[in-house]
C-alpha cells in the first residue's frame, strides 16, 4: 500500500508549504499530495479558496494578486509556494499528486509541467493529476494521454468506478467515509488503482488493508507507515 503525505506532513508542519513537503521527502514517503490554484497565470500551492484558515491573509485567493499572495505567512514564516518550486525539489523516487482546486488554463498547466520536466529532471511518470473537476481531467487526458489521471469522488457513485474509466483515469480517489468492498472490487476489475483520503487512524488503515486498496493519503505519513508495519507483521 502506497502512502501519500497529504499536503506534505501536514500533521506536523504548515500544510502545502515547502517545509511540509521537504519533511515528507526526508522521511522517504512514497508520494506527496498538493493542491493548486491559478492566480495571474501562476500556479500556487494552497488548498482553500479562502485565505483565512492557512495564511495571514483574508478573502478569496482568486481576488488577490500573485505578488500579494507570495507575501503572506502560511505558517512558521513559510510562504505559499509555487508549483514550480515544488516540482524543483521532488526526488526521483517520489510520486507527486497534483490536485487541481481552481485552475482556468489547462494548457498553461501543461506548459509549467513540461518546463519542470526539462529543467529539473522530474519524470512525467512521477506525476498524478487529480481533481473533482472531471471536465478538466478529460481535457488533460485528451491533450496529454501519457499523464496519469486521478478521478476524485466524495460520494459512492451508482456505477461505482465507471465514471473514472470514461476519463481514461489511472486511479480513483475516494473518501474514507464512503469506500467499501464493492467499490474497490469494481475499480480493480476496471484496471484502476484505488487511493483513499484522508486516513490517519489505525482502525481505518486496517480496514483498508483488508479491502485491498492501493494507497492512502495521510496527514501523518510516518505514523501511517508504522501502523502498516504493525498490521503486516
C-alpha atoms as a PDB file:
ATOM      1  CA  UNK A   1       0.000   0.000   0.000  1.00  0.00           C
ATOM      2  CA  UNK A   2       1.375   3.400  -1.009  1.00  0.00           C
ATOM      3  CA  UNK A   3       1.340   6.258   1.478  1.00  0.00           C
ATOM      4  CA  UNK A   4       0.947   9.805   0.186  1.00  0.00           C
ATOM      5  CA  UNK A   5       1.796  12.687   2.503  1.00  0.00           C
ATOM      6  CA  UNK A   6      -1.427  14.703   2.416  1.00  0.00           C
ATOM      7  CA  UNK A   7      -0.403  18.322   1.734  1.00  0.00           C
ATOM      8  CA  UNK A   8       3.047  17.286   2.909  1.00  0.00           C
ATOM      9  CA  UNK A   9       3.499  16.253   6.533  1.00  0.00           C
ATOM     10  CA  UNK A  10       0.544  18.430   7.434  1.00  0.00           C
ATOM     11  CA  UNK A  11       0.054  16.929  10.892  1.00  0.00           C
ATOM     12  CA  UNK A  12       3.365  18.472  11.950  1.00  0.00           C
ATOM     13  CA  UNK A  13       4.188  21.335   9.570  1.00  0.00           C
ATOM     14  CA  UNK A  14       2.058  24.017   7.879  1.00  0.00           C
ATOM     15  CA  UNK A  15       0.181  22.277   5.083  1.00  0.00           C
ATOM     16  CA  UNK A  16       1.176  22.715   1.441  1.00  0.00           C
ATOM     17  CA  UNK A  17       4.374  24.568   2.346  1.00  0.00           C
ATOM     18  CA  UNK A  18       7.889  23.705   1.239  1.00  0.00           C
ATOM     19  CA  UNK A  19       8.626  22.862   4.886  1.00  0.00           C
ATOM     20  CA  UNK A  20       5.846  20.250   4.970  1.00  0.00           C
ATOM     21  CA  UNK A  21       6.841  18.897   1.573  1.00  0.00           C
ATOM     22  CA  UNK A  22      10.541  18.674   2.431  1.00  0.00           C
ATOM     23  CA  UNK A  23       9.629  16.909   5.678  1.00  0.00           C
ATOM     24  CA  UNK A  24       7.789  14.295   3.608  1.00  0.00           C
ATOM     25  CA  UNK A  25      10.787  13.898   1.315  1.00  0.00           C
ATOM     26  CA  UNK A  26      13.081  13.497   4.319  1.00  0.00           C
ATOM     27  CA  UNK A  27      11.139  10.502   5.624  1.00  0.00           C
ATOM     28  CA  UNK A  28      11.080   8.970   2.126  1.00  0.00           C
ATOM     29  CA  UNK A  29       7.345   8.807   1.590  1.00  0.00           C
ATOM     30  CA  UNK A  30       6.002   7.020  -1.479  1.00  0.00           C
ATOM     31  CA  UNK A  31       4.284  10.172  -2.672  1.00  0.00           C
ATOM     32  CA  UNK A  32       3.183  13.686  -1.791  1.00  0.00           C
ATOM     33  CA  UNK A  33      -0.200  15.282  -2.463  1.00  0.00           C
ATOM     34  CA  UNK A  34      -0.541  19.027  -3.024  1.00  0.00           C
ATOM     35  CA  UNK A  35      -3.328  21.370  -4.148  1.00  0.00           C
ATOM     36  CA  UNK A  36      -3.045  24.200  -6.659  1.00  0.00           C
ATOM     37  CA  UNK A  37      -4.886  27.351  -7.686  1.00  0.00           C
ATOM     38  CA  UNK A  38      -4.133  29.536 -10.682  1.00  0.00           C
ATOM     39  CA  UNK A  39      -3.505  33.226  -9.959  1.00  0.00           C
ATOM     40  CA  UNK A  40      -2.381  35.666 -12.654  1.00  0.00           C
ATOM     41  CA  UNK A  41      -1.106  32.830 -14.853  1.00  0.00           C
ATOM     42  CA  UNK A  42       0.899  31.362 -11.970  1.00  0.00           C
ATOM     43  CA  UNK A  43       0.154  28.175 -10.044  1.00  0.00           C
ATOM     44  CA  UNK A  44       0.254  28.468  -6.264  1.00  0.00           C
ATOM     45  CA  UNK A  45       0.107  25.611  -3.784  1.00  0.00           C
ATOM     46  CA  UNK A  46      -2.809  26.021  -1.383  1.00  0.00           C
ATOM     47  CA  UNK A  47      -5.936  24.042  -0.556  1.00  0.00           C
ATOM     48  CA  UNK A  48      -8.645  26.580   0.310  1.00  0.00           C
ATOM     49  CA  UNK A  49     -10.118  29.210  -1.964  1.00  0.00           C
ATOM     50  CA  UNK A  50     -10.298  31.435   1.120  1.00  0.00           C
ATOM     51  CA  UNK A  51      -7.037  32.501   2.717  1.00  0.00           C
ATOM     52  CA  UNK A  52      -8.016  32.754   6.380  1.00  0.00           C
ATOM     53  CA  UNK A  53      -7.541  29.163   7.583  1.00  0.00           C
ATOM     54  CA  UNK A  54      -3.946  28.604   6.485  1.00  0.00           C
ATOM     55  CA  UNK A  55      -2.420  32.052   5.933  1.00  0.00           C
ATOM     56  CA  UNK A  56      -2.132  35.542   7.401  1.00  0.00           C
ATOM     57  CA  UNK A  57      -4.343  36.853   4.596  1.00  0.00           C
ATOM     58  CA  UNK A  58      -8.082  37.133   4.106  1.00  0.00           C
ATOM     59  CA  UNK A  59     -10.551  36.905   1.251  1.00  0.00           C
ATOM     60  CA  UNK A  60     -10.682  34.767  -1.854  1.00  0.00           C
ATOM     61  CA  UNK A  61      -7.376  33.677  -3.337  1.00  0.00           C
ATOM     62  CA  UNK A  62      -8.665  34.368  -6.852  1.00  0.00           C
ATOM     63  CA  UNK A  63      -9.207  38.019  -5.945  1.00  0.00           C
ATOM     64  CA  UNK A  64      -5.576  38.556  -4.899  1.00  0.00           C
ATOM     65  CA  UNK A  65      -2.538  39.431  -6.928  1.00  0.00           C
ATOM     66  CA  UNK A  66       0.234  36.895  -7.234  1.00  0.00           C
ATOM     67  CA  UNK A  67       2.691  39.262  -5.521  1.00  0.00           C
ATOM     68  CA  UNK A  68       0.359  39.755  -2.550  1.00  0.00           C
ATOM     69  CA  UNK A  69      -0.156  36.020  -2.144  1.00  0.00           C
ATOM     70  CA  UNK A  70       3.589  35.472  -2.102  1.00  0.00           C
ATOM     71  CA  UNK A  71       3.949  37.913   0.798  1.00  0.00           C
ATOM     72  CA  UNK A  72       1.545  36.042   3.088  1.00  0.00           C
ATOM     73  CA  UNK A  73       2.645  33.917   6.017  1.00  0.00           C
ATOM     74  CA  UNK A  74       1.470  30.313   5.508  1.00  0.00           C
ATOM     75  CA  UNK A  75       2.664  29.246   8.979  1.00  0.00           C
ATOM     76  CA  UNK A  76       6.052  29.239  10.734  1.00  0.00           C
ATOM     77  CA  UNK A  77       7.156  32.044   8.431  1.00  0.00           C
ATOM     78  CA  UNK A  78       6.645  29.890   5.329  1.00  0.00           C
ATOM     79  CA  UNK A  79       5.390  31.417   2.094  1.00  0.00           C
ATOM     80  CA  UNK A  80       2.813  29.939  -0.238  1.00  0.00           C
ATOM     81  CA  UNK A  81       4.973  28.075  -2.763  1.00  0.00           C
ATOM     82  CA  UNK A  82       4.549  27.879  -6.487  1.00  0.00           C
ATOM     83  CA  UNK A  83       4.032  24.602  -8.299  1.00  0.00           C
ATOM     84  CA  UNK A  84       7.399  25.101  -9.976  1.00  0.00           C
ATOM     85  CA  UNK A  85       9.138  25.378  -6.597  1.00  0.00           C
ATOM     86  CA  UNK A  86       7.618  22.070  -5.541  1.00  0.00           C
ATOM     87  CA  UNK A  87       8.456  20.324  -8.807  1.00  0.00           C
ATOM     88  CA  UNK A  88      12.055  21.512  -8.398  1.00  0.00           C
ATOM     89  CA  UNK A  89      12.617  19.591  -5.139  1.00  0.00           C
ATOM     90  CA  UNK A  90      10.794  16.301  -5.795  1.00  0.00           C
ATOM     91  CA  UNK A  91      13.390  13.496  -5.849  1.00  0.00           C
ATOM     92  CA  UNK A  92      13.315  10.702  -8.444  1.00  0.00           C
ATOM     93  CA  UNK A  93      11.917   8.128  -6.002  1.00  0.00           C
ATOM     94  CA  UNK A  94       8.866  10.203  -5.021  1.00  0.00           C
ATOM     95  CA  UNK A  95       5.454  10.492  -6.659  1.00  0.00           C
ATOM     96  CA  UNK A  96       3.651  13.833  -6.760  1.00  0.00           C
ATOM     97  CA  UNK A  97      -0.133  14.049  -6.808  1.00  0.00           C
ATOM     98  CA  UNK A  98      -1.216  17.494  -8.011  1.00  0.00           C
ATOM     99  CA  UNK A  99      -4.865  18.151  -7.172  1.00  0.00           C
ATOM    100  CA  UNK A 100      -6.481  20.874  -9.265  1.00  0.00           C
ATOM    101  CA  UNK A 101      -8.508  23.106  -6.974  1.00  0.00           C
ATOM    102  CA  UNK A 102      -9.010  26.179  -9.106  1.00  0.00           C
ATOM    103  CA  UNK A 103      -7.295  26.431 -12.464  1.00  0.00           C
ATOM    104  CA  UNK A 104      -8.538  28.062 -15.650  1.00  0.00           C
ATOM    105  CA  UNK A 105      -5.936  27.185 -18.261  1.00  0.00           C
ATOM    106  CA  UNK A 106      -5.085  23.506 -18.649  1.00  0.00           C
ATOM    107  CA  UNK A 107      -2.624  24.266 -21.457  1.00  0.00           C
ATOM    108  CA  UNK A 108      -0.725  26.671 -19.204  1.00  0.00           C
ATOM    109  CA  UNK A 109      -0.519  23.990 -16.519  1.00  0.00           C
ATOM    110  CA  UNK A 110       0.900  21.522 -19.028  1.00  0.00           C
ATOM    111  CA  UNK A 111       3.452  24.124 -20.096  1.00  0.00           C
ATOM    112  CA  UNK A 112       4.521  24.551 -16.458  1.00  0.00           C
ATOM    113  CA  UNK A 113       4.893  20.797 -16.065  1.00  0.00           C
ATOM    114  CA  UNK A 114       6.842  20.474 -19.316  1.00  0.00           C
ATOM    115  CA  UNK A 115       9.238  23.223 -18.255  1.00  0.00           C
ATOM    116  CA  UNK A 116       9.818  21.496 -14.917  1.00  0.00           C
ATOM    117  CA  UNK A 117      10.496  18.176 -16.620  1.00  0.00           C
ATOM    118  CA  UNK A 118      13.153  19.732 -18.836  1.00  0.00           C
ATOM    119  CA  UNK A 119      14.625  21.998 -16.145  1.00  0.00           C
ATOM    120  CA  UNK A 120      14.594  19.859 -13.010  1.00  0.00           C
ATOM    121  CA  UNK A 121      14.626  16.317 -14.347  1.00  0.00           C
ATOM    122  CA  UNK A 122      11.367  15.196 -12.789  1.00  0.00           C
ATOM    123  CA  UNK A 123       9.752  12.465 -14.887  1.00  0.00           C
ATOM    124  CA  UNK A 124       6.174  12.613 -16.145  1.00  0.00           C
ATOM    125  CA  UNK A 125       5.759   9.091 -14.711  1.00  0.00           C
ATOM    126  CA  UNK A 126       6.158  10.582 -11.218  1.00  0.00           C
ATOM    127  CA  UNK A 127       3.117  12.800 -11.670  1.00  0.00           C
ATOM    128  CA  UNK A 128      -0.530  12.101 -10.928  1.00  0.00           C
ATOM    129  CA  UNK A 129      -3.043  14.846 -11.736  1.00  0.00           C
ATOM    130  CA  UNK A 130      -6.314  14.634  -9.820  1.00  0.00           C
ATOM    131  CA  UNK A 131      -9.456  16.706  -9.450  1.00  0.00           C
ATOM    132  CA  UNK A 132     -13.155  16.741  -8.634  1.00  0.00           C
ATOM    133  CA  UNK A 133     -13.476  18.690 -11.898  1.00  0.00           C
ATOM    134  CA  UNK A 134     -13.835  15.779 -14.265  1.00  0.00           C
ATOM    135  CA  UNK A 135     -14.214  18.006 -17.315  1.00  0.00           C
ATOM    136  CA  UNK A 136     -10.715  19.361 -16.748  1.00  0.00           C
ATOM    137  CA  UNK A 137      -9.400  15.842 -16.243  1.00  0.00           C
ATOM    138  CA  UNK A 138     -10.951  14.825 -19.547  1.00  0.00           C
ATOM    139  CA  UNK A 139      -9.303  17.803 -21.239  1.00  0.00           C
ATOM    140  CA  UNK A 140      -5.958  16.862 -19.707  1.00  0.00           C
ATOM    141  CA  UNK A 141      -6.329  13.262 -20.792  1.00  0.00           C
ATOM    142  CA  UNK A 142      -7.071  14.289 -24.360  1.00  0.00           C
ATOM    143  CA  UNK A 143      -4.138  16.709 -24.555  1.00  0.00           C
ATOM    144  CA  UNK A 144      -1.595  14.556 -22.727  1.00  0.00           C
ATOM    145  CA  UNK A 145      -2.728  10.921 -22.555  1.00  0.00           C
ATOM    146  CA  UNK A 146       0.633   9.851 -21.111  1.00  0.00           C
ATOM    147  CA  UNK A 147      -0.052  11.740 -17.851  1.00  0.00           C
ATOM    148  CA  UNK A 148      -1.709   9.712 -15.100  1.00  0.00           C
ATOM    149  CA  UNK A 149      -5.156  10.998 -14.130  1.00  0.00           C
ATOM    150  CA  UNK A 150      -6.793  10.530 -10.737  1.00  0.00           C
ATOM    151  CA  UNK A 151     -10.577  10.948 -10.598  1.00  0.00           C
ATOM    152  CA  UNK A 152     -11.807  12.229  -7.247  1.00  0.00           C
ATOM    153  CA  UNK A 153     -15.146  11.451  -5.651  1.00  0.00           C
ATOM    154  CA  UNK A 154     -16.564  12.264  -2.231  1.00  0.00           C
ATOM    155  CA  UNK A 155     -19.584  10.001  -2.727  1.00  0.00           C
ATOM    156  CA  UNK A 156     -20.271   6.402  -3.692  1.00  0.00           C
ATOM    157  CA  UNK A 157     -21.400   6.654  -7.343  1.00  0.00           C
ATOM    158  CA  UNK A 158     -24.268   4.470  -8.563  1.00  0.00           C
ATOM    159  CA  UNK A 159     -21.968   2.992 -11.189  1.00  0.00           C
ATOM    160  CA  UNK A 160     -19.116   2.613  -8.695  1.00  0.00           C
ATOM    161  CA  UNK A 161     -15.865   3.387 -10.590  1.00  0.00           C
ATOM    162  CA  UNK A 162     -17.386   3.538 -14.076  1.00  0.00           C
ATOM    163  CA  UNK A 163     -17.072   7.335 -14.142  1.00  0.00           C
ATOM    164  CA  UNK A 164     -13.279   7.051 -13.867  1.00  0.00           C
ATOM    165  CA  UNK A 165     -12.960   4.743 -16.857  1.00  0.00           C
ATOM    166  CA  UNK A 166     -14.727   7.283 -19.073  1.00  0.00           C
ATOM    167  CA  UNK A 167     -11.908   9.696 -18.181  1.00  0.00           C
ATOM    168  CA  UNK A 168      -9.195   7.150 -19.042  1.00  0.00           C
ATOM    169  CA  UNK A 169      -8.080   7.547 -15.436  1.00  0.00           C
ATOM    170  CA  UNK A 170      -5.182   5.700 -13.850  1.00  0.00           C
ATOM    171  CA  UNK A 171      -6.710   5.856 -10.385  1.00  0.00           C
ATOM    172  CA  UNK A 172      -9.833   6.767  -8.479  1.00  0.00           C
ATOM    173  CA  UNK A 173      -9.569   8.701  -5.221  1.00  0.00           C
ATOM    174  CA  UNK A 174     -12.414   8.190  -2.777  1.00  0.00           C
ATOM    175  CA  UNK A 175     -13.263   9.347   0.740  1.00  0.00           C
ATOM    176  CA  UNK A 176     -12.703   7.043   3.700  1.00  0.00           C
ATOM    177  CA  UNK A 177     -16.297   7.861   4.677  1.00  0.00           C
ATOM    178  CA  UNK A 178     -17.843   6.043   1.703  1.00  0.00           C
ATOM    179  CA  UNK A 179     -15.365   3.490   0.322  1.00  0.00           C
ATOM    180  CA  UNK A 180     -16.475  -0.138   0.535  1.00  0.00           C
ATOM    181  CA  UNK A 181     -15.521  -3.558  -0.801  1.00  0.00           C
ATOM    182  CA  UNK A 182     -17.912  -3.331  -3.767  1.00  0.00           C
ATOM    183  CA  UNK A 183     -16.320  -0.099  -4.965  1.00  0.00           C
ATOM    184  CA  UNK A 184     -12.772  -1.425  -4.585  1.00  0.00           C
ATOM    185  CA  UNK A 185     -13.623  -4.644  -6.397  1.00  0.00           C
ATOM    186  CA  UNK A 186     -15.331  -2.776  -9.242  1.00  0.00           C
ATOM    187  CA  UNK A 187     -12.407  -0.353  -9.621  1.00  0.00           C
ATOM    188  CA  UNK A 188      -9.850  -3.147  -9.705  1.00  0.00           C
ATOM    189  CA  UNK A 189     -11.877  -5.065 -12.272  1.00  0.00           C
ATOM    190  CA  UNK A 190     -11.714  -1.941 -14.434  1.00  0.00           C
ATOM    191  CA  UNK A 191      -7.925  -1.783 -14.039  1.00  0.00           C
ATOM    192  CA  UNK A 192      -7.979   1.249 -11.753  1.00  0.00           C
ATOM    193  CA  UNK A 193      -5.897   1.931  -8.672  1.00  0.00           C
ATOM    194  CA  UNK A 194      -7.854   2.901  -5.552  1.00  0.00           C
ATOM    195  CA  UNK A 195      -6.453   5.629  -3.315  1.00  0.00           C
ATOM    196  CA  UNK A 196      -8.379   6.681  -0.188  1.00  0.00           C
ATOM    197  CA  UNK A 197      -8.372  10.035   1.634  1.00  0.00           C
ATOM    198  CA  UNK A 198      -7.803  11.142   4.406  1.00  0.00           C
ATOM    199  CA  UNK A 199      -6.552   8.273   6.574  1.00  0.00           C
ATOM    200  CA  UNK A 200      -4.681   8.530   9.881  1.00  0.00           C
ATOM    201  CA  UNK A 201      -6.397   6.126  12.286  1.00  0.00           C
ATOM    202  CA  UNK A 202      -5.098   2.594  12.896  1.00  0.00           C
ATOM    203  CA  UNK A 203      -8.545   1.017  12.544  1.00  0.00           C
ATOM    204  CA  UNK A 204      -9.136   2.766   9.219  1.00  0.00           C
ATOM    205  CA  UNK A 205      -5.793   1.597   7.844  1.00  0.00           C
ATOM    206  CA  UNK A 206      -6.550  -1.946   8.993  1.00  0.00           C
ATOM    207  CA  UNK A 207      -9.904  -1.842   7.218  1.00  0.00           C
ATOM    208  CA  UNK A 208      -8.341  -0.531   4.009  1.00  0.00           C
ATOM    209  CA  UNK A 209      -5.655  -3.214   4.059  1.00  0.00           C
ATOM    210  CA  UNK A 210      -8.432  -5.789   4.285  1.00  0.00           C
ATOM    211  CA  UNK A 211     -10.234  -4.127   1.356  1.00  0.00           C
ATOM    212  CA  UNK A 212      -7.056  -4.251  -0.717  1.00  0.00           C
ATOM    213  CA  UNK A 213      -6.813  -0.564  -1.600  1.00  0.00           C
ATOM    214  CA  UNK A 214      -3.664   0.576  -3.357  1.00  0.00           C
ATOM    215  CA  UNK A 215      -2.830   3.695  -1.363  1.00  0.00           C
ATOM    216  CA  UNK A 216      -3.870   6.230   1.230  1.00  0.00           C
ATOM    217  CA  UNK A 217      -3.453   9.943   1.824  1.00  0.00           C
ATOM    218  CA  UNK A 218      -2.257  10.580   5.379  1.00  0.00           C
ATOM    219  CA  UNK A 219      -1.637  13.794   7.310  1.00  0.00           C
ATOM    220  CA  UNK A 220       0.910  11.905   9.396  1.00  0.00           C
ATOM    221  CA  UNK A 221       2.620   9.544   6.929  1.00  0.00           C
ATOM    222  CA  UNK A 222       5.302   8.445   9.398  1.00  0.00           C
ATOM    223  CA  UNK A 223       2.636   7.245  11.832  1.00  0.00           C
ATOM    224  CA  UNK A 224       0.664   5.630   8.995  1.00  0.00           C
ATOM    225  CA  UNK A 225       3.778   3.727   7.921  1.00  0.00           C
ATOM    226  CA  UNK A 226       4.280   2.492  11.484  1.00  0.00           C
ATOM    227  CA  UNK A 227       0.660   1.303  11.632  1.00  0.00           C
ATOM    228  CA  UNK A 228       1.093  -0.516   8.322  1.00  0.00           C
ATOM    229  CA  UNK A 229       4.226  -2.257   9.568  1.00  0.00           C
ATOM    230  CA  UNK A 230       2.330  -3.408  12.666  1.00  0.00           C
ATOM    231  CA  UNK A 231      -0.542  -4.730  10.533  1.00  0.00           C
ATOM    232  CA  UNK A 232       1.750  -6.613   8.151  1.00  0.00           C
ATOM    233  CA  UNK A 233       3.990  -8.056  10.883  1.00  0.00           C
END
